[in-house]
Amino acid sequence: MIESFNTGPYTVTRYAAPTYTKGTATQGATTTFTIQATVQPLTPREALLLPEGERLRQNLKVYSATELKPSDNNGELPADTIEYRGENYKVISVERRDQTDIPHFKHIVQKIDANADARQ
């Protein structure tokens, strides 16, 4: 039923866990799949809930029946990324909404800025 609100199909990239050889990590394989979702801007109130340094970056919300994954707590497993209007966004949070008439997931995604992300 959430599909009736979709703004289109979107391509998601998911990363497998890295492998280690003699203490050196090698990025895991990637899987690409398509989801149906609706993409919307954050409300001003939602933007205020983000950490201060993250508020000025381009953030969106994605509603979908498919659960996307943020990075794990130690940053070892990268977040899923979703392509929107030719740009890639990483999943920074996921909220399960299964106590509603239309069960779905609300994801907050953040535009990947190659320059800023390389410095982190």
C-alpha atoms as a PDB file:
ATOM      1  CA  MET A   1       0.000   0.000   0.000  1.00  0.00           C
ATOM      2  CA  ILE A   2       2.930   2.387   0.638  1.00  0.00           C
ATOM      3  CA  GLU A   3       3.677   1.886  -3.057  1.00  0.00           C
ATOM      4  CA  SER A   4       0.749   4.142  -3.981  1.00  0.00           C
ATOM      5  CA  PHE A   5       2.753   7.124  -2.643  1.00  0.00           C
ATOM      6  CA  ASN A   6       5.929   6.359  -4.604  1.00  0.00           C
ATOM      7  CA  THR A   7       7.748   9.091  -6.468  1.00  0.00           C
ATOM      8  CA  GLY A   8       9.656   6.512  -8.477  1.00  0.00           C
ATOM      9  CA  PRO A   9      12.044   3.599  -8.518  1.00  0.00           C
ATOM     10  CA  TYR A  10      15.449   4.257  -6.946  1.00  0.00           C
ATOM     11  CA  THR A  11      18.728   2.346  -7.153  1.00  0.00           C
ATOM     12  CA  VAL A  12      20.268   1.230  -3.848  1.00  0.00           C
ATOM     13  CA  THR A  13      23.806  -0.031  -3.322  1.00  0.00           C
ATOM     14  CA  ARG A  14      24.484  -2.275  -0.315  1.00  0.00           C
ATOM     15  CA  TYR A  15      27.972  -3.145   0.904  1.00  0.00           C
ATOM     16  CA  ALA A  16      29.024  -6.496   2.332  1.00  0.00           C
ATOM     17  CA  ALA A  17      31.259  -6.678   5.389  1.00  0.00           C
ATOM     18  CA  PRO A  18      34.950  -6.129   4.682  1.00  0.00           C
ATOM     19  CA  THR A  19      37.414  -9.001   4.760  1.00  0.00           C
ATOM     20  CA  TYR A  20      40.754  -8.856   6.552  1.00  0.00           C
ATOM     21  CA  THR A  21      44.108 -10.180   5.442  1.00  0.00           C
ATOM     22  CA  LYS A  22      46.987  -9.715   7.890  1.00  0.00           C
ATOM     23  CA  GLY A  23      45.072  -6.898   9.567  1.00  0.00           C
ATOM     24  CA  THR A  24      44.345  -5.000   6.344  1.00  0.00           C
ATOM     25  CA  ALA A  25      40.705  -4.488   5.447  1.00  0.00           C
ATOM     26  CA  THR A  26      39.412  -4.992   1.925  1.00  0.00           C
ATOM     27  CA  GLN A  27      36.017  -3.500   1.137  1.00  0.00           C
ATOM     28  CA  GLY A  28      33.282  -6.091   0.757  1.00  0.00           C
ATOM     29  CA  ALA A  29      31.377  -6.725  -2.442  1.00  0.00           C
ATOM     30  CA  THR A  30      28.447  -4.513  -3.412  1.00  0.00           C
ATOM     31  CA  THR A  31      24.921  -5.466  -4.338  1.00  0.00           C
ATOM     32  CA  THR A  32      22.677  -3.150  -6.339  1.00  0.00           C
ATOM     33  CA  PHE A  33      18.892  -3.356  -6.293  1.00  0.00           C
ATOM     34  CA  THR A  34      15.888  -1.161  -7.033  1.00  0.00           C
ATOM     35  CA  ILE A  35      13.273  -0.044  -4.517  1.00  0.00           C
ATOM     36  CA  GLN A  36       9.992   1.834  -4.818  1.00  0.00           C
ATOM     37  CA  ALA A  37      10.003   4.844  -2.513  1.00  0.00           C
ATOM     38  CA  THR A  38       8.897   8.401  -1.974  1.00  0.00           C
ATOM     39  CA  VAL A  39      11.571  11.043  -1.415  1.00  0.00           C
ATOM     40  CA  GLN A  40      10.779  14.272   0.425  1.00  0.00           C
ATOM     41  CA  PRO A  41      12.703  17.174   1.965  1.00  0.00           C
ATOM     42  CA  LEU A  42      13.132  17.272   5.725  1.00  0.00           C
ATOM     43  CA  THR A  43      10.883  19.606   7.650  1.00  0.00           C
ATOM     44  CA  PRO A  44      12.671  22.386   9.574  1.00  0.00           C
ATOM     45  CA  ARG A  45      11.919  20.518  12.809  1.00  0.00           C
ATOM     46  CA  GLU A  46      13.410  17.276  11.471  1.00  0.00           C
ATOM     47  CA  ALA A  47      16.530  19.172  10.364  1.00  0.00           C
ATOM     48  CA  LEU A  48      16.970  20.555  13.900  1.00  0.00           C
ATOM     49  CA  LEU A  49      17.083  16.996  15.251  1.00  0.00           C
ATOM     50  CA  LEU A  50      20.241  16.276  13.262  1.00  0.00           C
ATOM     51  CA  PRO A  51      23.666  16.862  14.858  1.00  0.00           C
ATOM     52  CA  GLU A  52      24.703  20.491  14.451  1.00  0.00           C
ATOM     53  CA  GLY A  53      27.448  19.862  11.891  1.00  0.00           C
ATOM     54  CA  GLU A  54      25.103  17.776   9.736  1.00  0.00           C
ATOM     55  CA  ARG A  55      22.254  20.291   9.426  1.00  0.00           C
ATOM     56  CA  LEU A  56      23.843  22.275   6.599  1.00  0.00           C
ATOM     57  CA  ARG A  57      24.374  19.218   4.416  1.00  0.00           C
ATOM     58  CA  GLN A  58      21.660  18.162   1.984  1.00  0.00           C
ATOM     59  CA  ASN A  59      19.402  15.727   3.841  1.00  0.00           C
ATOM     60  CA  LEU A  60      16.213  14.064   2.642  1.00  0.00           C
ATOM     61  CA  LYS A  61      13.731  11.534   3.946  1.00  0.00           C
ATOM     62  CA  VAL A  62      12.888   8.348   2.076  1.00  0.00           C
ATOM     63  CA  TYR A  63       9.759   6.330   2.809  1.00  0.00           C
ATOM     64  CA  SER A  64       9.767   2.746   1.580  1.00  0.00           C
ATOM     65  CA  ALA A  65       8.502  -0.745   2.344  1.00  0.00           C
ATOM     66  CA  THR A  66      12.151  -1.858   2.017  1.00  0.00           C
ATOM     67  CA  GLU A  67      14.465  -1.385   4.986  1.00  0.00           C
ATOM     68  CA  LEU A  68      17.748   0.320   4.134  1.00  0.00           C
ATOM     69  CA  LYS A  69      20.813   0.031   6.368  1.00  0.00           C
ATOM     70  CA  PRO A  70      22.868   2.816   7.969  1.00  0.00           C
ATOM     71  CA  SER A  71      26.541   2.182   8.717  1.00  0.00           C
ATOM     72  CA  ASP A  72      27.230   0.018  11.734  1.00  0.00           C
ATOM     73  CA  ASN A  73      28.292   1.575  15.043  1.00  0.00           C
ATOM     74  CA  ASN A  74      32.033   1.205  14.469  1.00  0.00           C
ATOM     75  CA  GLY A  75      31.865   2.407  10.856  1.00  0.00           C
ATOM     76  CA  GLU A  76      33.219  -0.874   9.528  1.00  0.00           C
ATOM     77  CA  LEU A  77      30.188  -1.638   7.367  1.00  0.00           C
ATOM     78  CA  PRO A  78      29.293   1.310   5.109  1.00  0.00           C
ATOM     79  CA  ALA A  79      25.732   2.593   4.904  1.00  0.00           C
ATOM     80  CA  ASP A  80      23.485   1.728   1.992  1.00  0.00           C
ATOM     81  CA  THR A  81      23.451   4.432  -0.647  1.00  0.00           C
ATOM     82  CA  ILE A  82      20.517   5.511  -2.782  1.00  0.00           C
ATOM     83  CA  GLU A  83      20.692   7.396  -6.054  1.00  0.00           C
ATOM     84  CA  TYR A  84      18.362  10.377  -6.314  1.00  0.00           C
ATOM     85  CA  ARG A  85      18.416  12.790  -9.263  1.00  0.00           C
ATOM     86  CA  GLY A  86      21.884  11.650 -10.284  1.00  0.00           C
ATOM     87  CA  GLU A  87      23.422  12.131  -6.827  1.00  0.00           C
ATOM     88  CA  ASN A  88      24.256   9.521  -4.193  1.00  0.00           C
ATOM     89  CA  TYR A  89      22.936   9.732  -0.640  1.00  0.00           C
ATOM     90  CA  LYS A  90      23.950   7.600   2.343  1.00  0.00           C
ATOM     91  CA  VAL A  91      21.449   6.299   4.880  1.00  0.00           C
ATOM     92  CA  ILE A  92      22.084   7.905   8.266  1.00  0.00           C
ATOM     93  CA  SER A  93      19.028   6.695  10.192  1.00  0.00           C
ATOM     94  CA  VAL A  94      16.155   4.243   9.928  1.00  0.00           C
ATOM     95  CA  GLU A  95      12.826   4.307  11.742  1.00  0.00           C
ATOM     96  CA  ARG A  96      10.491   1.312  11.539  1.00  0.00           C
ATOM     97  CA  ARG A  97       6.862   2.358  11.344  1.00  0.00           C
ATOM     98  CA  ASP A  98       4.883  -0.853  11.708  1.00  0.00           C
ATOM     99  CA  GLN A  99       2.252   0.425  14.140  1.00  0.00           C
ATOM    100  CA  THR A 100       0.428   2.258  11.360  1.00  0.00           C
ATOM    101  CA  ASP A 101      -2.190   1.319   8.789  1.00  0.00           C
ATOM    102  CA  ILE A 102       0.581   1.223   6.178  1.00  0.00           C
ATOM    103  CA  PRO A 103       3.732  -0.397   7.627  1.00  0.00           C
ATOM    104  CA  HIS A 104       6.900   1.170   6.195  1.00  0.00           C
ATOM    105  CA  PHE A 105      10.360   2.542   6.986  1.00  0.00           C
ATOM    106  CA  LYS A 106      11.359   6.174   7.256  1.00  0.00           C
ATOM    107  CA  HIS A 107      15.010   6.752   6.329  1.00  0.00           C
ATOM    108  CA  ILE A 108      17.021   9.940   6.681  1.00  0.00           C
ATOM    109  CA  VAL A 109      19.611  10.123   3.913  1.00  0.00           C
ATOM    110  CA  GLN A 110      22.452  12.570   3.406  1.00  0.00           C
ATOM    111  CA  LYS A 111      24.071  13.648   0.148  1.00  0.00           C
ATOM    112  CA  ILE A 112      27.539  12.217  -0.210  1.00  0.00           C
ATOM    113  CA  ASP A 113      30.018  15.047  -0.608  1.00  0.00           C
ATOM    114  CA  ALA A 114      33.216  13.385  -1.813  1.00  0.00           C
ATOM    115  CA  ASN A 115      35.384  16.240  -0.489  1.00  0.00           C
ATOM    116  CA  ALA A 116      33.802  16.444   2.972  1.00  0.00           C
ATOM    117  CA  ASP A 117      33.489  12.647   3.371  1.00  0.00           C
ATOM    118  CA  ALA A 118      37.156  12.140   2.435  1.00  0.00           C
ATOM    119  CA  ARG A 119      38.193  14.418   5.310  1.00  0.00           C
ATOM    120  CA  GLN A 120      36.248  12.420   7.899  1.00  0.00           C
END
